[in-house]
C-alpha atoms as a PDB file:
ATOM      1  CA  UNK A   1     -81.095  -2.098  71.927  1.00  0.00           C
ATOM      2  CA  UNK A   2     -78.474   0.576  73.002  1.00  0.00           C
ATOM      3  CA  UNK A   3     -78.348   2.165  76.381  1.00  0.00           C
ATOM      4  CA  UNK A   4     -78.108   5.996  76.451  1.00  0.00           C
ATOM      5  CA  UNK A   5     -77.580   8.155  79.596  1.00  0.00           C
ATOM      6  CA  UNK A   6     -78.739  11.733  79.178  1.00  0.00           C
ATOM      7  CA  UNK A   7     -77.216  14.507  81.207  1.00  0.00           C
ATOM      8  CA  UNK A   8     -79.511  17.462  81.568  1.00  0.00           C
ATOM      9  CA  UNK A   9     -76.840  20.312  81.651  1.00  0.00           C
ATOM     10  CA  UNK A  10     -76.554  22.682  84.551  1.00  0.00           C
ATOM     11  CA  UNK A  11     -79.302  22.271  87.260  1.00  0.00           C
ATOM     12  CA  UNK A  12     -78.862  20.746  90.678  1.00  0.00           C
ATOM     13  CA  UNK A  13     -75.196  19.462  91.605  1.00  0.00           C
ATOM     14  CA  UNK A  14     -73.056  18.918  94.535  1.00  0.00           C
ATOM     15  CA  UNK A  15     -70.715  21.707  95.519  1.00  0.00           C
ATOM     16  CA  UNK A  16     -67.112  21.602  96.855  1.00  0.00           C
ATOM     17  CA  UNK A  17     -68.467  21.208 100.346  1.00  0.00           C
ATOM     18  CA  UNK A  18     -70.996  18.516  99.457  1.00  0.00           C
ATOM     19  CA  UNK A  19     -73.827  20.985  99.520  1.00  0.00           C
ATOM     20  CA  UNK A  20     -76.574  21.058  96.937  1.00  0.00           C
ATOM     21  CA  UNK A  21     -76.501  24.031  94.517  1.00  0.00           C
ATOM     22  CA  UNK A  22     -78.534  24.980  91.493  1.00  0.00           C
ATOM     23  CA  UNK A  23     -76.795  26.340  88.275  1.00  0.00           C
ATOM     24  CA  UNK A  24     -79.368  27.675  85.752  1.00  0.00           C
ATOM     25  CA  UNK A  25     -76.586  27.944  83.180  1.00  0.00           C
ATOM     26  CA  UNK A  26     -76.904  31.045  80.818  1.00  0.00           C
ATOM     27  CA  UNK A  27     -79.828  33.250  81.388  1.00  0.00           C
ATOM     28  CA  UNK A  28     -81.065  35.404  78.513  1.00  0.00           C
ATOM     29  CA  UNK A  29     -82.667  38.964  78.437  1.00  0.00           C
ATOM     30  CA  UNK A  30     -86.119  37.363  79.017  1.00  0.00           C
ATOM     31  CA  UNK A  31     -84.937  35.517  82.118  1.00  0.00           C
ATOM     32  CA  UNK A  32     -85.157  32.094  80.176  1.00  0.00           C
ATOM     33  CA  UNK A  33     -82.406  29.836  81.506  1.00  0.00           C
ATOM     34  CA  UNK A  34     -80.212  27.534  79.544  1.00  0.00           C
ATOM     35  CA  UNK A  35     -81.276  24.729  82.086  1.00  0.00           C
ATOM     36  CA  UNK A  36     -85.110  25.220  81.350  1.00  0.00           C
ATOM     37  CA  UNK A  37     -84.377  24.631  77.671  1.00  0.00           C
ATOM     38  CA  UNK A  38     -81.942  21.811  78.340  1.00  0.00           C
ATOM     39  CA  UNK A  39     -84.790  19.955  80.065  1.00  0.00           C
ATOM     40  CA  UNK A  40     -87.185  20.505  77.124  1.00  0.00           C
ATOM     41  CA  UNK A  41     -84.402  19.091  74.723  1.00  0.00           C
ATOM     42  CA  UNK A  42     -83.613  16.191  77.156  1.00  0.00           C
ATOM     43  CA  UNK A  43     -87.258  15.083  77.636  1.00  0.00           C
ATOM     44  CA  UNK A  44     -87.887  15.074  73.741  1.00  0.00           C
ATOM     45  CA  UNK A  45     -84.552  13.061  73.366  1.00  0.00           C
ATOM     46  CA  UNK A  46     -85.564  10.495  75.841  1.00  0.00           C
ATOM     47  CA  UNK A  47     -89.043  10.024  74.526  1.00  0.00           C
ATOM     48  CA  UNK A  48     -87.886   9.827  71.010  1.00  0.00           C
ATOM     49  CA  UNK A  49     -85.117   7.291  71.804  1.00  0.00           C
ATOM     50  CA  UNK A  50     -87.607   5.119  73.725  1.00  0.00           C
ATOM     51  CA  UNK A  51     -90.190   5.433  70.822  1.00  0.00           C
ATOM     52  CA  UNK A  52     -87.309   4.026  68.509  1.00  0.00           C
ATOM     53  CA  UNK A  53     -86.813   1.087  70.801  1.00  0.00           C
ATOM     54  CA  UNK A  54     -83.621   2.412  72.567  1.00  0.00           C
ATOM     55  CA  UNK A  55     -83.120   2.477  76.510  1.00  0.00           C
ATOM     56  CA  UNK A  56     -82.629   6.152  77.706  1.00  0.00           C
ATOM     57  CA  UNK A  57     -82.273   7.309  81.240  1.00  0.00           C
ATOM     58  CA  UNK A  58     -81.430  10.571  82.882  1.00  0.00           C
ATOM     59  CA  UNK A  59     -78.455  11.078  84.936  1.00  0.00           C
ATOM     60  CA  UNK A  60     -79.164  11.458  88.541  1.00  0.00           C
ATOM     61  CA  UNK A  61     -79.510  14.966  89.848  1.00  0.00           C
ATOM     62  CA  UNK A  62     -77.097  16.438  92.543  1.00  0.00           C
ATOM     63  CA  UNK A  63     -73.821  14.811  90.955  1.00  0.00           C
ATOM     64  CA  UNK A  64     -70.661  16.930  90.328  1.00  0.00           C
ATOM     65  CA  UNK A  65     -69.713  17.312  86.564  1.00  0.00           C
ATOM     66  CA  UNK A  66     -67.135  14.465  86.967  1.00  0.00           C
ATOM     67  CA  UNK A  67     -69.587  12.228  88.507  1.00  0.00           C
ATOM     68  CA  UNK A  68     -72.229  12.910  85.921  1.00  0.00           C
ATOM     69  CA  UNK A  69     -69.616  11.551  83.442  1.00  0.00           C
ATOM     70  CA  UNK A  70     -68.725   8.620  85.576  1.00  0.00           C
ATOM     71  CA  UNK A  71     -72.476   7.764  85.844  1.00  0.00           C
ATOM     72  CA  UNK A  72     -71.986   6.701  82.225  1.00  0.00           C
ATOM     73  CA  UNK A  73     -70.522   3.324  83.295  1.00  0.00           C
ATOM     74  CA  UNK A  74     -72.707   0.382  81.788  1.00  0.00           C
ATOM     75  CA  UNK A  75     -74.042   2.634  79.176  1.00  0.00           C
ATOM     76  CA  UNK A  76     -73.351   2.686  75.314  1.00  0.00           C
ATOM     77  CA  UNK A  77     -73.603   6.431  75.009  1.00  0.00           C
ATOM     78  CA  UNK A  78     -73.487   9.530  77.070  1.00  0.00           C
ATOM     79  CA  UNK A  79     -74.943  12.609  75.966  1.00  0.00           C
ATOM     80  CA  UNK A  80     -74.845  16.027  77.949  1.00  0.00           C
ATOM     81  CA  UNK A  81     -77.683  18.362  76.637  1.00  0.00           C
ATOM     82  CA  UNK A  82     -76.790  22.157  76.649  1.00  0.00           C
ATOM     83  CA  UNK A  83     -77.627  25.387  74.766  1.00  0.00           C
ATOM     84  CA  UNK A  84     -75.324  28.317  74.262  1.00  0.00           C
ATOM     85  CA  UNK A  85     -75.112  32.004  74.901  1.00  0.00           C
ATOM     86  CA  UNK A  86     -72.946  34.617  73.259  1.00  0.00           C
ATOM     87  CA  UNK A  87     -73.630  37.704  75.499  1.00  0.00           C
ATOM     88  CA  UNK A  88     -73.755  39.823  72.388  1.00  0.00           C
ATOM     89  CA  UNK A  89     -75.367  39.612  68.907  1.00  0.00           C
ATOM     90  CA  UNK A  90     -74.065  37.043  66.529  1.00  0.00           C
ATOM     91  CA  UNK A  91     -74.230  36.921  62.724  1.00  0.00           C
ATOM     92  CA  UNK A  92     -76.057  33.589  62.581  1.00  0.00           C
ATOM     93  CA  UNK A  93     -77.369  30.740  64.773  1.00  0.00           C
ATOM     94  CA  UNK A  94     -75.198  27.697  64.744  1.00  0.00           C
ATOM     95  CA  UNK A  95     -74.972  24.388  66.471  1.00  0.00           C
ATOM     96  CA  UNK A  96     -71.806  22.962  68.314  1.00  0.00           C
ATOM     97  CA  UNK A  97     -71.348  19.529  69.480  1.00  0.00           C
ATOM     98  CA  UNK A  98     -68.438  18.751  71.416  1.00  0.00           C
ATOM     99  CA  UNK A  99     -66.512  15.470  71.898  1.00  0.00           C
ATOM    100  CA  UNK A 100     -63.606  14.479  74.123  1.00  0.00           C
ATOM    101  CA  UNK A 101     -60.476  15.976  72.995  1.00  0.00           C
ATOM    102  CA  UNK A 102     -58.382  13.076  74.415  1.00  0.00           C
ATOM    103  CA  UNK A 103     -60.494  10.282  73.089  1.00  0.00           C
ATOM    104  CA  UNK A 104     -58.500   7.356  71.597  1.00  0.00           C
ATOM    105  CA  UNK A 105     -61.161   6.272  69.376  1.00  0.00           C
ATOM    106  CA  UNK A 106     -62.991   8.071  66.601  1.00  0.00           C
ATOM    107  CA  UNK A 107     -66.486   7.078  67.996  1.00  0.00           C
ATOM    108  CA  UNK A 108     -66.974  10.318  69.880  1.00  0.00           C
ATOM    109  CA  UNK A 109     -66.065  12.566  66.835  1.00  0.00           C
ATOM    110  CA  UNK A 110     -68.277  10.464  64.491  1.00  0.00           C
ATOM    111  CA  UNK A 111     -71.225  10.649  66.730  1.00  0.00           C
ATOM    112  CA  UNK A 112     -70.807  14.321  67.335  1.00  0.00           C
ATOM    113  CA  UNK A 113     -70.545  15.017  63.646  1.00  0.00           C
ATOM    114  CA  UNK A 114     -73.722  13.164  62.911  1.00  0.00           C
ATOM    115  CA  UNK A 115     -75.637  14.899  65.909  1.00  0.00           C
ATOM    116  CA  UNK A 116     -74.384  18.268  64.761  1.00  0.00           C
ATOM    117  CA  UNK A 117     -75.640  17.771  61.173  1.00  0.00           C
ATOM    118  CA  UNK A 118     -78.974  16.386  62.302  1.00  0.00           C
ATOM    119  CA  UNK A 119     -79.609  19.370  64.693  1.00  0.00           C
ATOM    120  CA  UNK A 120     -78.479  21.940  62.083  1.00  0.00           C
ATOM    121  CA  UNK A 121     -80.843  20.236  59.428  1.00  0.00           C
ATOM    122  CA  UNK A 122     -83.773  20.250  61.700  1.00  0.00           C
ATOM    123  CA  UNK A 123     -83.278  23.763  63.060  1.00  0.00           C
ATOM    124  CA  UNK A 124     -82.129  25.352  59.575  1.00  0.00           C
ATOM    125  CA  UNK A 125     -79.088  26.738  61.213  1.00  0.00           C
ATOM    126  CA  UNK A 126     -75.401  26.622  60.434  1.00  0.00           C
ATOM    127  CA  UNK A 127     -73.447  23.462  61.496  1.00  0.00           C
ATOM    128  CA  UNK A 128     -70.312  24.442  63.331  1.00  0.00           C
ATOM    129  CA  UNK A 129     -69.678  20.667  63.373  1.00  0.00           C
ATOM    130  CA  UNK A 130     -68.078  18.569  65.982  1.00  0.00           C
ATOM    131  CA  UNK A 131     -65.331  20.069  68.072  1.00  0.00           C
ATOM    132  CA  UNK A 132     -62.873  18.428  70.377  1.00  0.00           C
ATOM    133  CA  UNK A 133     -63.091  19.849  73.910  1.00  0.00           C
ATOM    134  CA  UNK A 134     -61.273  19.175  77.224  1.00  0.00           C
ATOM    135  CA  UNK A 135     -64.392  19.169  79.358  1.00  0.00           C
ATOM    136  CA  UNK A 136     -64.629  17.451  82.806  1.00  0.00           C
ATOM    137  CA  UNK A 137     -67.891  15.561  82.151  1.00  0.00           C
ATOM    138  CA  UNK A 138     -66.509  14.136  78.888  1.00  0.00           C
ATOM    139  CA  UNK A 139     -63.218  13.080  80.314  1.00  0.00           C
ATOM    140  CA  UNK A 140     -64.991  11.362  83.259  1.00  0.00           C
ATOM    141  CA  UNK A 141     -67.407   9.537  80.842  1.00  0.00           C
ATOM    142  CA  UNK A 142     -64.396   8.273  78.725  1.00  0.00           C
ATOM    143  CA  UNK A 143     -62.974   6.807  81.936  1.00  0.00           C
ATOM    144  CA  UNK A 144     -65.971   4.329  81.865  1.00  0.00           C
ATOM    145  CA  UNK A 145     -66.849   1.744  79.207  1.00  0.00           C
ATOM    146  CA  UNK A 146     -69.051   4.055  77.318  1.00  0.00           C
ATOM    147  CA  UNK A 147     -68.665   3.738  73.438  1.00  0.00           C
ATOM    148  CA  UNK A 148     -69.432   7.473  72.735  1.00  0.00           C
ATOM    149  CA  UNK A 149     -69.794  10.602  74.821  1.00  0.00           C
ATOM    150  CA  UNK A 150     -70.848  14.139  73.532  1.00  0.00           C
ATOM    151  CA  UNK A 151     -71.999  17.547  74.688  1.00  0.00           C
ATOM    152  CA  UNK A 152     -74.529  19.322  72.526  1.00  0.00           C
ATOM    153  CA  UNK A 153     -75.085  23.136  72.316  1.00  0.00           C
ATOM    154  CA  UNK A 154     -78.070  23.241  70.098  1.00  0.00           C
ATOM    155  CA  UNK A 155     -78.481  26.951  69.637  1.00  0.00           C
ATOM    156  CA  UNK A 156     -77.982  30.365  71.161  1.00  0.00           C
ATOM    157  CA  UNK A 157     -80.694  31.344  73.696  1.00  0.00           C
ATOM    158  CA  UNK A 158     -79.733  35.150  73.910  1.00  0.00           C
ATOM    159  CA  UNK A 159     -80.346  36.063  70.123  1.00  0.00           C
ATOM    160  CA  UNK A 160     -83.887  37.592  70.535  1.00  0.00           C
ATOM    161  CA  UNK A 161     -85.980  34.538  69.970  1.00  0.00           C
ATOM    162  CA  UNK A 162     -89.231  34.418  72.041  1.00  0.00           C
ATOM    163  CA  UNK A 163     -89.610  31.795  74.561  1.00  0.00           C
ATOM    164  CA  UNK A 164     -92.064  29.863  72.622  1.00  0.00           C
ATOM    165  CA  UNK A 165     -89.610  29.659  69.681  1.00  0.00           C
ATOM    166  CA  UNK A 166     -86.942  28.579  71.806  1.00  0.00           C
ATOM    167  CA  UNK A 167     -88.934  25.755  73.381  1.00  0.00           C
ATOM    168  CA  UNK A 168     -89.904  24.493  69.869  1.00  0.00           C
ATOM    169  CA  UNK A 169     -86.367  24.761  68.789  1.00  0.00           C
ATOM    170  CA  UNK A 170     -85.251  22.868  71.884  1.00  0.00           C
ATOM    171  CA  UNK A 171     -87.650  20.183  71.443  1.00  0.00           C
ATOM    172  CA  UNK A 172     -86.921  19.685  67.835  1.00  0.00           C
ATOM    173  CA  UNK A 173     -83.183  19.633  68.661  1.00  0.00           C
ATOM    174  CA  UNK A 174     -83.907  16.735  71.206  1.00  0.00           C
ATOM    175  CA  UNK A 175     -85.610  14.751  68.349  1.00  0.00           C
ATOM    176  CA  UNK A 176     -82.754  15.399  65.895  1.00  0.00           C
ATOM    177  CA  UNK A 177     -80.192  14.269  68.631  1.00  0.00           C
ATOM    178  CA  UNK A 178     -82.291  11.002  69.143  1.00  0.00           C
ATOM    179  CA  UNK A 179     -82.579  10.154  65.413  1.00  0.00           C
ATOM    180  CA  UNK A 180     -78.819  10.639  64.836  1.00  0.00           C
ATOM    181  CA  UNK A 181     -77.882   8.558  68.039  1.00  0.00           C
ATOM    182  CA  UNK A 182     -80.480   5.821  67.018  1.00  0.00           C
ATOM    183  CA  UNK A 183     -79.154   5.661  63.306  1.00  0.00           C
ATOM    184  CA  UNK A 184     -75.457   5.715  64.663  1.00  0.00           C
ATOM    185  CA  UNK A 185     -76.102   2.601  66.800  1.00  0.00           C
ATOM    186  CA  UNK A 186     -78.567   0.872  64.415  1.00  0.00           C
ATOM    187  CA  UNK A 187     -76.271   1.110  61.678  1.00  0.00           C
ATOM    188  CA  UNK A 188     -73.199   0.166  63.777  1.00  0.00           C
ATOM    189  CA  UNK A 189     -71.668   3.501  64.311  1.00  0.00           C
END
């Protein structure tokens, strides 16, 4: 059984003066926040992982981005769940999965590629594939003993989809992430 830590992107965090703040992430034209969709995906991800026999926990609320990554200590995998926004019309929906740009192993990239493919397949959108990124949360996760750390951006929330459509897509993305992570660890990465 693998141990997976799920970070629900945005939401409550600790500010620079140790005050608690709320970051909704991107908010679309219909006032649907990225955070609300991140919650839908993360819950589906956790439930599916647990049904597959994996241990999946949520990152504690109120932590800074860096501390969220450090919370991955003692886990096999760290997943920060997000969605995307373009601020303008795009030609097509696509998925992006980011991995640590400075990772010394291929594990992050391999897992990111598999998760991107799984999300693209279940949502029938373009796979933008795995992309290296220099993100604070991923840098912090790599400072721990975590085997793989990724940040998912399942789809764009500002492209005219209804809230109901986006909630279904977010849930399905969570299921796809879980399946890819389970297979990654079950078959040895």
